[in-house]
C-alpha atoms as a PDB file:
ATOM      1  CA  MET A   1     -82.316  -1.939 -60.119  1.00  0.00           C
ATOM      2  CA  ASN A   2     -81.644   1.905 -59.815  1.00  0.00           C
ATOM      3  CA  LEU A   3     -81.192   1.418 -56.117  1.00  0.00           C
ATOM      4  CA  TRP A   4     -78.434  -1.092 -56.815  1.00  0.00           C
ATOM      5  CA  ARG A   5     -76.678   1.149 -59.350  1.00  0.00           C
ATOM      6  CA  SER A   6     -76.742   4.019 -57.004  1.00  0.00           C
ATOM      7  CA  LEU A   7     -75.162   2.001 -54.375  1.00  0.00           C
ATOM      8  CA  LEU A   8     -72.503   0.613 -56.520  1.00  0.00           C
ATOM      9  CA  ILE A   9     -71.741   4.263 -57.685  1.00  0.00           C
ATOM     10  CA  ALA A  10     -71.595   5.470 -54.103  1.00  0.00           C
ATOM     11  CA  ILE A  11     -69.194   2.715 -53.126  1.00  0.00           C
ATOM     12  CA  ALA A  12     -67.115   3.595 -56.085  1.00  0.00           C
ATOM     13  CA  ILE A  13     -66.858   7.350 -55.214  1.00  0.00           C
ATOM     14  CA  GLY A  14     -66.269   6.384 -51.528  1.00  0.00           C
ATOM     15  CA  SER A  15     -63.418   3.991 -52.194  1.00  0.00           C
ATOM     16  CA  VAL A  16     -61.758   6.620 -54.596  1.00  0.00           C
ATOM     17  CA  THR A  17     -62.092   9.714 -52.107  1.00  0.00           C
ATOM     18  CA  PRO A  18     -59.420   8.707 -49.480  1.00  0.00           C
ATOM     19  CA  ALA A  19     -56.677   8.627 -52.355  1.00  0.00           C
ATOM     20  CA  TRP A  20     -57.547  12.319 -52.903  1.00  0.00           C
ATOM     21  CA  ALA A  21     -57.431  13.200 -49.282  1.00  0.00           C
ATOM     22  CA  GLY A  22     -53.661  13.781 -48.881  1.00  0.00           C
ATOM     23  CA  LEU A  23     -53.184  15.533 -52.200  1.00  0.00           C
ATOM     24  CA  GLU A  24     -53.157  19.248 -52.364  1.00  0.00           C
ATOM     25  CA  ALA A  25     -53.444  21.363 -55.464  1.00  0.00           C
ATOM     26  CA  PHE A  26     -50.851  23.977 -55.108  1.00  0.00           C
ATOM     27  CA  ASP A  27     -50.247  26.886 -57.681  1.00  0.00           C
ATOM     28  CA  PHE A  28     -46.811  26.589 -58.738  1.00  0.00           C
ATOM     29  CA  SER A  29     -47.029  29.709 -61.214  1.00  0.00           C
ATOM     30  CA  GLY A  30     -45.712  32.086 -58.796  1.00  0.00           C
ATOM     31  CA  ASN A  31     -42.510  31.990 -56.483  1.00  0.00           C
ATOM     32  CA  VAL A  32     -42.442  28.307 -55.597  1.00  0.00           C
ATOM     33  CA  ASN A  33     -40.545  25.872 -57.920  1.00  0.00           C
ATOM     34  CA  GLU A  34     -42.354  22.562 -57.994  1.00  0.00           C
ATOM     35  CA  ASP A  35     -39.265  20.590 -58.422  1.00  0.00           C
ATOM     36  CA  ARG A  36     -37.614  22.296 -55.318  1.00  0.00           C
ATOM     37  CA  TYR A  37     -41.004  21.878 -53.251  1.00  0.00           C
ATOM     38  CA  LYS A  38     -41.037  18.032 -54.158  1.00  0.00           C
ATOM     39  CA  GLU A  39     -37.440  17.596 -53.131  1.00  0.00           C
ATOM     40  CA  LEU A  40     -37.912  19.257 -49.994  1.00  0.00           C
ATOM     41  CA  ILE A  41     -41.084  17.609 -48.683  1.00  0.00           C
ATOM     42  CA  ALA A  42     -39.317  14.294 -49.618  1.00  0.00           C
ATOM     43  CA  GLU A  43     -36.416  15.138 -47.318  1.00  0.00           C
ATOM     44  CA  VAL A  44     -38.714  15.715 -44.395  1.00  0.00           C
ATOM     45  CA  ARG A  45     -39.990  13.004 -42.207  1.00  0.00           C
ATOM     46  CA  CYS A  46     -43.921  12.713 -41.446  1.00  0.00           C
ATOM     47  CA  LEU A  47     -44.165  12.948 -37.689  1.00  0.00           C
ATOM     48  CA  VAL A  48     -47.237  10.934 -37.715  1.00  0.00           C
ATOM     49  CA  CYS A  49     -46.154   7.821 -40.060  1.00  0.00           C
ATOM     50  CA  GLN A  50     -42.393   8.079 -39.060  1.00  0.00           C
ATOM     51  CA  ASN A  51     -41.423   5.677 -42.001  1.00  0.00           C
ATOM     52  CA  GLN A  52     -42.707   7.996 -44.712  1.00  0.00           C
ATOM     53  CA  SER A  53     -41.736  11.437 -45.920  1.00  0.00           C
ATOM     54  CA  LEU A  54     -44.152  14.476 -46.288  1.00  0.00           C
ATOM     55  CA  ALA A  55     -44.408  13.644 -49.630  1.00  0.00           C
ATOM     56  CA  ASP A  56     -45.733  10.166 -49.357  1.00  0.00           C
ATOM     57  CA  SER A  57     -47.999  10.562 -46.130  1.00  0.00           C
ATOM     58  CA  ASP A  58     -51.774  11.053 -46.130  1.00  0.00           C
ATOM     59  CA  ALA A  59     -51.839  12.084 -42.300  1.00  0.00           C
ATOM     60  CA  GLY A  60     -53.496  15.337 -41.507  1.00  0.00           C
ATOM     61  CA  LEU A  61     -50.231  16.710 -39.958  1.00  0.00           C
ATOM     62  CA  ALA A  62     -48.474  15.897 -43.088  1.00  0.00           C
ATOM     63  CA  HIS A  63     -50.966  17.874 -45.092  1.00  0.00           C
ATOM     64  CA  ASP A  64     -50.537  20.759 -42.673  1.00  0.00           C
ATOM     65  CA  LEU A  65     -46.695  20.596 -42.859  1.00  0.00           C
ATOM     66  CA  ARG A  66     -46.817  20.442 -46.724  1.00  0.00           C
ATOM     67  CA  MET A  67     -48.967  23.508 -46.683  1.00  0.00           C
ATOM     68  CA  GLU A  68     -46.568  25.288 -44.168  1.00  0.00           C
ATOM     69  CA  VAL A  69     -43.447  24.422 -46.404  1.00  0.00           C
ATOM     70  CA  TYR A  70     -45.424  25.645 -49.363  1.00  0.00           C
ATOM     71  CA  LYS A  71     -46.254  28.958 -47.671  1.00  0.00           C
ATOM     72  CA  LEU A  72     -42.530  29.471 -46.514  1.00  0.00           C
ATOM     73  CA  MET A  73     -41.369  28.883 -50.088  1.00  0.00           C
ATOM     74  CA  GLU A  74     -43.922  31.476 -51.163  1.00  0.00           C
ATOM     75  CA  GLN A  75     -42.364  33.920 -48.857  1.00  0.00           C
ATOM     76  CA  GLY A  76     -39.158  33.539 -50.528  1.00  0.00           C
ATOM     77  CA  GLN A  77     -37.244  31.335 -47.775  1.00  0.00           C
ATOM     78  CA  SER A  78     -34.540  29.066 -48.837  1.00  0.00           C
ATOM     79  CA  ASP A  79     -34.466  25.324 -48.143  1.00  0.00           C
ATOM     80  CA  GLU A  80     -32.003  25.798 -45.333  1.00  0.00           C
ATOM     81  CA  GLN A  81     -34.426  28.319 -43.668  1.00  0.00           C
ATOM     82  CA  ILE A  82     -37.309  26.095 -44.197  1.00  0.00           C
ATOM     83  CA  ILE A  83     -35.282  23.064 -42.580  1.00  0.00           C
ATOM     84  CA  ASP A  84     -34.238  25.179 -39.710  1.00  0.00           C
ATOM     85  CA  PHE A  85     -37.692  26.339 -38.971  1.00  0.00           C
ATOM     86  CA  LEU A  86     -39.123  22.639 -39.041  1.00  0.00           C
ATOM     87  CA  VAL A  87     -36.105  21.379 -36.871  1.00  0.00           C
ATOM     88  CA  SER A  88     -36.594  24.188 -34.447  1.00  0.00           C
ATOM     89  CA  ARG A  89     -40.349  23.344 -34.085  1.00  0.00           C
ATOM     90  CA  TYR A  90     -40.072  19.588 -34.224  1.00  0.00           C
ATOM     91  CA  GLY A  91     -36.527  18.661 -33.526  1.00  0.00           C
ATOM     92  CA  ASP A  92     -33.990  16.692 -35.364  1.00  0.00           C
ATOM     93  CA  PHE A  93     -36.529  13.690 -35.733  1.00  0.00           C
ATOM     94  CA  VAL A  94     -38.209  15.552 -38.599  1.00  0.00           C
ATOM     95  CA  LEU A  95     -35.137  14.858 -40.787  1.00  0.00           C
ATOM     96  CA  TYR A  96     -34.222  11.778 -42.480  1.00  0.00           C
ATOM     97  CA  GLN A  97     -30.652  12.588 -42.218  1.00  0.00           C
ATOM     98  CA  PRO A  98     -30.296  14.425 -38.861  1.00  0.00           C
ATOM     99  CA  PRO A  99     -26.949  16.360 -38.299  1.00  0.00           C
ATOM    100  CA  VAL A 100     -23.979  14.668 -36.411  1.00  0.00           C
ATOM    101  CA  LYS A 101     -23.893  16.588 -33.020  1.00  0.00           C
ATOM    102  CA  PRO A 102     -23.881  15.441 -29.250  1.00  0.00           C
ATOM    103  CA  SER A 103     -27.667  14.967 -29.261  1.00  0.00           C
ATOM    104  CA  THR A 104     -27.596  12.578 -32.168  1.00  0.00           C
ATOM    105  CA  TYR A 105     -24.444  10.344 -31.377  1.00  0.00           C
ATOM    106  CA  LEU A 106     -26.520   7.627 -30.094  1.00  0.00           C
ATOM    107  CA  LEU A 107     -28.461   7.681 -33.382  1.00  0.00           C
ATOM    108  CA  TRP A 108     -25.407   7.808 -35.543  1.00  0.00           C
ATOM    109  CA  TYR A 109     -22.999   5.592 -33.613  1.00  0.00           C
ATOM    110  CA  GLY A 110     -25.276   3.500 -31.434  1.00  0.00           C
ATOM    111  CA  PRO A 111     -25.807   0.656 -34.042  1.00  0.00           C
ATOM    112  CA  PHE A 112     -22.069   0.326 -34.331  1.00  0.00           C
ATOM    113  CA  VAL A 113     -21.675   0.012 -30.595  1.00  0.00           C
ATOM    114  CA  LEU A 114     -24.162  -2.510 -30.509  1.00  0.00           C
ATOM    115  CA  LEU A 115     -22.704  -4.454 -33.197  1.00  0.00           C
ATOM    116  CA  ALA A 116     -19.190  -4.232 -31.406  1.00  0.00           C
ATOM    117  CA  LEU A 117     -20.673  -5.301 -28.134  1.00  0.00           C
ATOM    118  CA  GLY A 118     -22.548  -8.322 -29.799  1.00  0.00           C
ATOM    119  CA  LEU A 119     -19.492  -9.471 -31.588  1.00  0.00           C
ATOM    120  CA  LEU A 120     -17.367  -9.155 -28.176  1.00  0.00           C
ATOM    121  CA  LEU A 121     -20.006 -11.128 -26.416  1.00  0.00           C
ATOM    122  CA  LEU A 122     -19.894 -13.915 -29.285  1.00  0.00           C
ATOM    123  CA  LEU A 123     -16.107 -14.155 -28.977  1.00  0.00           C
ATOM    124  CA  ARG A 124     -16.263 -14.468 -25.123  1.00  0.00           C
ATOM    125  CA  THR A 125     -18.693 -17.167 -25.385  1.00  0.00           C
ATOM    126  CA  LEU A 126     -16.781 -19.152 -28.045  1.00  0.00           C
ATOM    127  CA  ARG A 127     -13.593 -18.875 -25.941  1.00  0.00           C
ATOM    128  CA  GLN A 128     -15.645 -20.073 -22.729  1.00  0.00           C
ATOM    129  CA  ARG A 129     -17.028 -23.088 -24.642  1.00  0.00           C
ATOM    130  CA  ARG A 130     -13.621 -23.821 -26.172  1.00  0.00           C
ATOM    131  CA  ALA A 131     -12.237 -23.778 -22.910  1.00  0.00           C
ATOM    132  CA  GLN A 132     -14.776 -25.844 -21.444  1.00  0.00           C
ATOM    133  CA  ILE A 133     -14.453 -28.719 -23.965  1.00  0.00           C
ATOM    134  CA  GLN A 134     -10.582 -28.655 -23.650  1.00  0.00           C
ATOM    135  CA  SER A 135     -10.945 -29.161 -19.902  1.00  0.00           C
ATOM    136  CA  GLU A 136     -13.375 -31.765 -19.920  1.00  0.00           C
ATOM    137  CA  PRO A 137     -11.597 -35.038 -19.213  1.00  0.00           C
ATOM    138  CA  GLY A 138     -11.587 -37.669 -21.784  1.00  0.00           C
ATOM    139  CA  LEU A 139     -12.299 -41.528 -21.308  1.00  0.00           C
ATOM    140  CA  SER A 140      -9.875 -43.413 -18.820  1.00  0.00           C
ATOM    141  CA  PRO A 141      -8.159 -46.516 -20.191  1.00  0.00           C
ATOM    142  CA  GLU A 142     -10.410 -48.569 -18.459  1.00  0.00           C
ATOM    143  CA  GLU A 143     -13.682 -46.877 -19.908  1.00  0.00           C
ATOM    144  CA  GLN A 144     -12.133 -46.947 -23.300  1.00  0.00           C
ATOM    145  CA  GLN A 145     -11.554 -50.807 -23.001  1.00  0.00           C
ATOM    146  CA  ARG A 146     -15.184 -51.116 -21.796  1.00  0.00           C
ATOM    147  CA  VAL A 147     -16.447 -49.162 -24.569  1.00  0.00           C
ATOM    148  CA  GLU A 148     -14.589 -51.371 -27.047  1.00  0.00           C
ATOM    149  CA  ARG A 149     -15.978 -54.319 -25.580  1.00  0.00           C
ATOM    150  CA  LEU A 150     -19.524 -53.345 -25.840  1.00  0.00           C
ATOM    151  CA  LEU A 151     -19.050 -52.251 -29.241  1.00  0.00           C
ATOM    152  CA  ASN A 152     -17.369 -55.734 -30.144  1.00  0.00           C
ATOM    153  CA  GLU A 153     -20.224 -57.523 -28.353  1.00  0.00           C
ATOM    154  CA  SER A 154     -22.843 -55.572 -30.323  1.00  0.00           C
ATOM    155  CA  ASP A 155     -21.259 -56.162 -33.761  1.00  0.00           C
ATOM    156  CA  SER A 156     -20.822 -59.851 -33.133  1.00  0.00           C
ATOM    157  CA  GLY A 157     -24.655 -59.842 -32.175  1.00  0.00           C
ATOM    158  CA  LYS A 158     -25.350 -58.278 -35.502  1.00  0.00           C
ATOM    159  CA  GLU A 159     -23.381 -60.865 -37.366  1.00  0.00           C
ATOM    160  CA  GLU A 160     -25.249 -63.777 -35.566  1.00  0.00           C
ATOM    161  CA  ARG A 161     -28.503 -62.356 -36.833  1.00  0.00           C
ATOM    162  CA  GLN A 162     -27.491 -62.115 -40.446  1.00  0.00           C
END
């Protein structure tokens, strides 16, 4: 029985440990304001996870970057200086809202260009279909008479069956 109890305790501890892995315990009694720190790491993208901020990520690199941000804040650097340091080291990708500049035009304006191209393609396709439908010849008078005759014959056949 003690073996089972020990096994259950080991499983419980093992399942809780990964939750603690990404959380650092920083001392916010010195130069570093905890709210400012949390806001700053929420603005920076995790380079491993890409869809999470540094605050949300449990990746090892995110842990290292949080530590780096904390150290830079301890040294008295401003948010702008810290952001500039991270951008110079990792590029604009590290920011959730990269600046508008020639190297990020595609990122900022690309979706609108693709949307406009899609709408132009849709309009062109609709116009071609409309022109195709309008240019198709209708039934000749002889064909119309034949269709009417066939329809009348099928109607009279139904009446006879009833």
